[in-house]
Amino acid sequence: MHSCADTLRRSAFPGPRGRGGDLDQSSLDFHSNALLRGHDDTPEVINAGPAAHHPSEYREFDGIMVPTRRRVYRRGEDGTVNKDMELVTIDVESVVFV
């Protein structure tokens, strides 16, 4: 769970079915300016358990705000984020919408 004074809201929803057949719980956190601040889920593609996605460094491309940096960290059972190891890193230099 993210803690930030400017978070507008946290929305929880069922994600895709996991290996056990149950729906995984996911959540989205939004800034007060409506930009995505974070996304918590349990991605099976890396089989690392609960994860916290942190998009940042938003830039405007063709009038659309896009996060140009994303980091994914392991999330503990209590919701804390372990930033000692990045599970996934994505850096975007440019975006073209077609």
N, C-alpha and C. Protein backbone atom coordinates (compact mmCIF):
# COMPACT_ATOMS: atom_id res chain seq x y z
N MET A 1 0.83 -1.18 0.00
CA MET A 1 0.00 0.00 0.00
C MET A 1 0.88 1.24 0.00
N HIS A 2 0.56 2.17 -0.84
CA HIS A 2 1.33 3.40 -0.94
C HIS A 2 0.79 4.41 0.04
N SER A 3 1.66 5.22 0.61
CA SER A 3 1.18 6.29 1.47
C SER A 3 1.70 7.61 0.93
N CYS A 4 0.78 8.46 0.53
CA CYS A 4 1.15 9.76 -0.03
C CYS A 4 -0.02 10.70 0.18
N ALA A 5 0.28 11.90 0.65
CA ALA A 5 -0.79 12.85 0.96
C ALA A 5 -1.59 13.24 -0.26
N ASP A 6 -0.98 13.20 -1.46
CA ASP A 6 -1.71 13.64 -2.64
C ASP A 6 -2.39 12.51 -3.39
N THR A 7 -2.45 11.32 -2.81
CA THR A 7 -3.16 10.22 -3.46
C THR A 7 -4.66 10.49 -3.39
N LEU A 8 -5.29 10.54 -4.55
CA LEU A 8 -6.72 10.83 -4.63
C LEU A 8 -7.55 9.66 -4.12
N ARG A 9 -7.23 8.48 -4.62
CA ARG A 9 -8.00 7.31 -4.19
C ARG A 9 -7.25 6.03 -4.53
N ARG A 10 -7.67 4.97 -3.87
CA ARG A 10 -7.14 3.63 -4.11
C ARG A 10 -8.32 2.79 -4.55
N SER A 11 -8.21 2.16 -5.71
CA SER A 11 -9.28 1.33 -6.25
C SER A 11 -8.81 -0.12 -6.30
N ALA A 12 -9.55 -1.01 -5.66
CA ALA A 12 -9.23 -2.43 -5.67
C ALA A 12 -10.17 -3.15 -6.62
N PHE A 13 -9.66 -4.17 -7.30
CA PHE A 13 -10.46 -4.94 -8.24
C PHE A 13 -9.86 -6.32 -8.40
N PRO A 14 -10.66 -7.31 -8.80
CA PRO A 14 -10.11 -8.65 -9.04
C PRO A 14 -9.29 -8.66 -10.32
N GLY A 15 -8.13 -9.28 -10.25
CA GLY A 15 -7.29 -9.42 -11.43
C GLY A 15 -7.57 -10.74 -12.12
N PRO A 16 -6.73 -11.12 -13.07
CA PRO A 16 -6.92 -12.39 -13.78
C PRO A 16 -6.73 -13.58 -12.84
N ARG A 17 -7.30 -14.69 -13.22
CA ARG A 17 -7.19 -15.90 -12.39
C ARG A 17 -5.74 -16.34 -12.28
N GLY A 18 -5.35 -16.68 -11.04
CA GLY A 18 -4.01 -17.17 -10.79
C GLY A 18 -3.93 -18.66 -11.03
N ARG A 19 -2.78 -19.23 -10.75
CA ARG A 19 -2.58 -20.67 -10.98
C ARG A 19 -3.53 -21.51 -10.13
N GLY A 20 -3.89 -21.00 -8.94
CA GLY A 20 -4.76 -21.76 -8.05
C GLY A 20 -6.23 -21.65 -8.42
N GLY A 21 -6.55 -20.87 -9.43
CA GLY A 21 -7.93 -20.73 -9.86
C GLY A 21 -8.67 -19.59 -9.20
N ASP A 22 -8.06 -18.96 -8.19
CA ASP A 22 -8.71 -17.83 -7.52
C ASP A 22 -8.35 -16.53 -8.23
N LEU A 23 -9.22 -15.55 -8.09
CA LEU A 23 -8.92 -14.23 -8.65
C LEU A 23 -7.94 -13.52 -7.75
N ASP A 24 -6.85 -13.03 -8.33
CA ASP A 24 -5.88 -12.25 -7.57
C ASP A 24 -6.44 -10.85 -7.37
N GLN A 25 -6.15 -10.24 -6.23
CA GLN A 25 -6.60 -8.88 -5.95
C GLN A 25 -5.55 -7.90 -6.45
N SER A 26 -5.98 -6.88 -7.15
CA SER A 26 -5.10 -5.82 -7.62
C SER A 26 -5.65 -4.50 -7.13
N SER A 27 -4.80 -3.49 -7.12
CA SER A 27 -5.27 -2.16 -6.73
C SER A 27 -4.48 -1.10 -7.48
N LEU A 28 -5.11 0.05 -7.67
CA LEU A 28 -4.49 1.19 -8.34
C LEU A 28 -4.57 2.39 -7.41
N ASP A 29 -3.49 3.16 -7.33
CA ASP A 29 -3.45 4.40 -6.56
C ASP A 29 -3.29 5.55 -7.53
N PHE A 30 -4.08 6.61 -7.32
CA PHE A 30 -4.02 7.77 -8.21
C PHE A 30 -3.65 9.03 -7.44
N HIS A 31 -2.83 9.89 -8.08
CA HIS A 31 -2.52 11.22 -7.54
C HIS A 31 -3.78 12.07 -7.59
N SER A 32 -3.75 13.19 -6.89
CA SER A 32 -4.88 14.12 -6.94
C SER A 32 -5.07 14.71 -8.33
N ASN A 33 -4.01 14.67 -9.18
CA ASN A 33 -4.13 15.15 -10.57
C ASN A 33 -4.59 14.04 -11.51
N ALA A 34 -5.04 12.91 -10.98
CA ALA A 34 -5.59 11.77 -11.71
C ALA A 34 -4.55 10.92 -12.44
N LEU A 35 -3.26 11.17 -12.24
CA LEU A 35 -2.23 10.32 -12.84
C LEU A 35 -2.01 9.10 -11.94
N LEU A 36 -1.73 7.95 -12.57
CA LEU A 36 -1.48 6.72 -11.83
C LEU A 36 -0.22 6.88 -10.99
N ARG A 37 -0.33 6.59 -9.71
CA ARG A 37 0.81 6.68 -8.80
C ARG A 37 1.42 5.30 -8.54
N GLY A 38 0.59 4.28 -8.48
CA GLY A 38 1.09 2.94 -8.21
C GLY A 38 0.06 1.88 -8.52
N HIS A 39 0.55 0.65 -8.64
CA HIS A 39 -0.30 -0.50 -8.96
C HIS A 39 0.25 -1.68 -8.19
N ASP A 40 -0.56 -2.28 -7.33
CA ASP A 40 -0.15 -3.46 -6.58
C ASP A 40 -0.87 -4.68 -7.13
N ASP A 41 -0.11 -5.75 -7.34
CA ASP A 41 -0.71 -7.00 -7.81
C ASP A 41 0.23 -8.15 -7.52
N THR A 42 -0.08 -9.32 -8.04
CA THR A 42 0.78 -10.49 -7.92
C THR A 42 1.06 -11.00 -9.32
N PRO A 43 2.10 -10.48 -9.98
CA PRO A 43 2.38 -10.88 -11.36
C PRO A 43 2.95 -12.29 -11.43
N GLU A 44 2.34 -13.13 -12.23
CA GLU A 44 2.82 -14.51 -12.35
C GLU A 44 3.96 -14.64 -13.34
N VAL A 45 4.14 -13.64 -14.19
CA VAL A 45 5.16 -13.75 -15.23
C VAL A 45 6.56 -13.89 -14.63
N ILE A 46 6.79 -13.28 -13.46
CA ILE A 46 8.11 -13.41 -12.83
C ILE A 46 8.05 -14.27 -11.57
N ASN A 47 6.85 -14.71 -11.17
CA ASN A 47 6.66 -15.61 -10.04
C ASN A 47 7.40 -15.13 -8.79
N ALA A 48 7.30 -13.83 -8.50
CA ALA A 48 8.02 -13.26 -7.36
C ALA A 48 7.10 -12.90 -6.20
N GLY A 49 5.83 -13.24 -6.29
CA GLY A 49 4.89 -12.91 -5.23
C GLY A 49 4.32 -11.51 -5.42
N PRO A 50 3.71 -10.97 -4.36
CA PRO A 50 3.08 -9.65 -4.46
C PRO A 50 4.09 -8.58 -4.87
N ALA A 51 3.65 -7.67 -5.73
CA ALA A 51 4.56 -6.64 -6.25
C ALA A 51 3.90 -5.28 -6.21
N ALA A 52 4.74 -4.25 -6.13
CA ALA A 52 4.30 -2.86 -6.18
C ALA A 52 4.92 -2.20 -7.40
N HIS A 53 4.08 -1.75 -8.32
CA HIS A 53 4.53 -1.06 -9.53
C HIS A 53 4.56 0.44 -9.24
N HIS A 54 5.68 1.09 -9.53
CA HIS A 54 5.80 2.53 -9.27
C HIS A 54 6.10 3.27 -10.57
N PRO A 55 5.07 3.77 -11.26
CA PRO A 55 5.30 4.60 -12.45
C PRO A 55 5.65 6.02 -11.99
N SER A 56 6.53 6.70 -12.75
CA SER A 56 6.92 8.06 -12.38
C SER A 56 7.45 8.81 -13.60
N GLU A 57 7.90 10.02 -13.36
CA GLU A 57 8.47 10.89 -14.39
C GLU A 57 7.55 10.98 -15.61
N TYR A 58 6.34 11.46 -15.36
CA TYR A 58 5.36 11.63 -16.43
C TYR A 58 5.80 12.70 -17.41
N ARG A 59 5.60 12.44 -18.70
CA ARG A 59 5.84 13.41 -19.77
C ARG A 59 4.65 13.37 -20.71
N GLU A 60 4.44 14.48 -21.37
CA GLU A 60 3.32 14.57 -22.31
C GLU A 60 3.78 14.20 -23.72
N PHE A 61 3.05 13.29 -24.34
CA PHE A 61 3.28 12.88 -25.72
C PHE A 61 1.94 13.03 -26.45
N ASP A 62 1.89 13.87 -27.45
CA ASP A 62 0.66 14.10 -28.22
C ASP A 62 -0.54 14.39 -27.31
N GLY A 63 -0.31 15.15 -26.24
CA GLY A 63 -1.39 15.53 -25.34
C GLY A 63 -1.76 14.50 -24.30
N ILE A 64 -1.05 13.38 -24.26
CA ILE A 64 -1.34 12.30 -23.30
C ILE A 64 -0.18 12.17 -22.33
N MET A 65 -0.48 12.19 -21.04
CA MET A 65 0.56 12.04 -20.01
C MET A 65 0.93 10.56 -19.88
N VAL A 66 2.23 10.28 -20.00
CA VAL A 66 2.73 8.90 -19.98
C VAL A 66 3.86 8.81 -18.96
N PRO A 67 3.83 7.80 -18.07
CA PRO A 67 4.97 7.63 -17.16
C PRO A 67 6.17 7.09 -17.95
N THR A 68 7.30 7.77 -17.85
CA THR A 68 8.47 7.35 -18.62
C THR A 68 9.42 6.48 -17.80
N ARG A 69 9.06 6.25 -16.56
CA ARG A 69 9.88 5.39 -15.70
C ARG A 69 8.94 4.50 -14.89
N ARG A 70 9.25 3.22 -14.82
CA ARG A 70 8.46 2.29 -14.01
C ARG A 70 9.43 1.35 -13.31
N ARG A 71 9.20 1.18 -12.02
CA ARG A 71 9.96 0.24 -11.23
C ARG A 71 8.97 -0.69 -10.53
N VAL A 72 9.31 -1.97 -10.47
CA VAL A 72 8.47 -2.95 -9.79
C VAL A 72 9.30 -3.55 -8.66
N TYR A 73 8.72 -3.50 -7.45
CA TYR A 73 9.39 -4.00 -6.25
C TYR A 73 8.55 -5.09 -5.61
N ARG A 74 9.20 -5.92 -4.82
CA ARG A 74 8.49 -6.94 -4.04
C ARG A 74 7.72 -6.24 -2.92
N ARG A 75 6.51 -6.73 -2.66
CA ARG A 75 5.66 -6.19 -1.60
C ARG A 75 5.46 -7.26 -0.54
N GLY A 76 5.65 -6.90 0.72
CA GLY A 76 5.48 -7.83 1.83
C GLY A 76 4.01 -8.10 2.10
N GLU A 77 3.74 -9.12 2.89
CA GLU A 77 2.36 -9.47 3.25
C GLU A 77 1.65 -8.32 3.96
N ASP A 78 2.42 -7.48 4.66
CA ASP A 78 1.84 -6.34 5.38
C ASP A 78 1.67 -5.11 4.49
N GLY A 79 2.01 -5.25 3.20
CA GLY A 79 1.85 -4.15 2.25
C GLY A 79 3.06 -3.27 2.09
N THR A 80 4.10 -3.49 2.89
CA THR A 80 5.31 -2.68 2.76
C THR A 80 6.05 -3.03 1.48
N VAL A 81 6.79 -2.06 0.95
CA VAL A 81 7.52 -2.24 -0.30
C VAL A 81 9.00 -2.36 0.00
N ASN A 82 9.64 -3.41 -0.54
CA ASN A 82 11.08 -3.61 -0.37
C ASN A 82 11.80 -3.03 -1.59
N LYS A 83 12.39 -1.85 -1.43
CA LYS A 83 13.06 -1.19 -2.54
C LYS A 83 14.53 -1.58 -2.67
N ASP A 84 14.96 -2.62 -1.93
CA ASP A 84 16.35 -3.07 -2.02
C ASP A 84 16.65 -3.74 -3.35
N MET A 85 15.62 -4.30 -4.00
CA MET A 85 15.83 -4.99 -5.27
C MET A 85 14.70 -4.65 -6.23
N GLU A 86 15.07 -4.19 -7.42
CA GLU A 86 14.07 -3.91 -8.46
C GLU A 86 13.82 -5.19 -9.24
N LEU A 87 12.55 -5.63 -9.27
CA LEU A 87 12.21 -6.83 -10.03
C LEU A 87 12.12 -6.53 -11.52
N VAL A 88 11.59 -5.36 -11.86
CA VAL A 88 11.44 -4.94 -13.25
C VAL A 88 11.77 -3.45 -13.32
N THR A 89 12.53 -3.05 -14.34
CA THR A 89 12.78 -1.63 -14.59
C THR A 89 12.45 -1.33 -16.04
N ILE A 90 11.70 -0.25 -16.26
CA ILE A 90 11.35 0.18 -17.61
C ILE A 90 11.59 1.67 -17.70
N ASP A 91 12.36 2.10 -18.69
CA ASP A 91 12.59 3.51 -18.96
C ASP A 91 12.18 3.79 -20.40
N VAL A 92 11.31 4.78 -20.58
CA VAL A 92 10.77 5.12 -21.90
C VAL A 92 11.37 6.44 -22.34
N GLU A 93 11.94 6.47 -23.55
CA GLU A 93 12.53 7.70 -24.07
C GLU A 93 11.56 8.48 -24.93
N SER A 94 10.75 7.78 -25.71
CA SER A 94 9.77 8.47 -26.55
C SER A 94 8.57 7.57 -26.78
N VAL A 95 7.45 8.22 -27.12
CA VAL A 95 6.21 7.50 -27.39
C VAL A 95 5.60 8.07 -28.65
N VAL A 96 5.15 7.19 -29.54
CA VAL A 96 4.46 7.60 -30.75
C VAL A 96 3.12 6.86 -30.78
N PHE A 97 2.03 7.62 -30.84
CA PHE A 97 0.70 7.02 -30.96
C PHE A 97 0.33 6.98 -32.43
N VAL A 98 -0.10 5.81 -32.90
CA VAL A 98 -0.48 5.67 -34.32
C VAL A 98 -1.93 5.27 -34.44
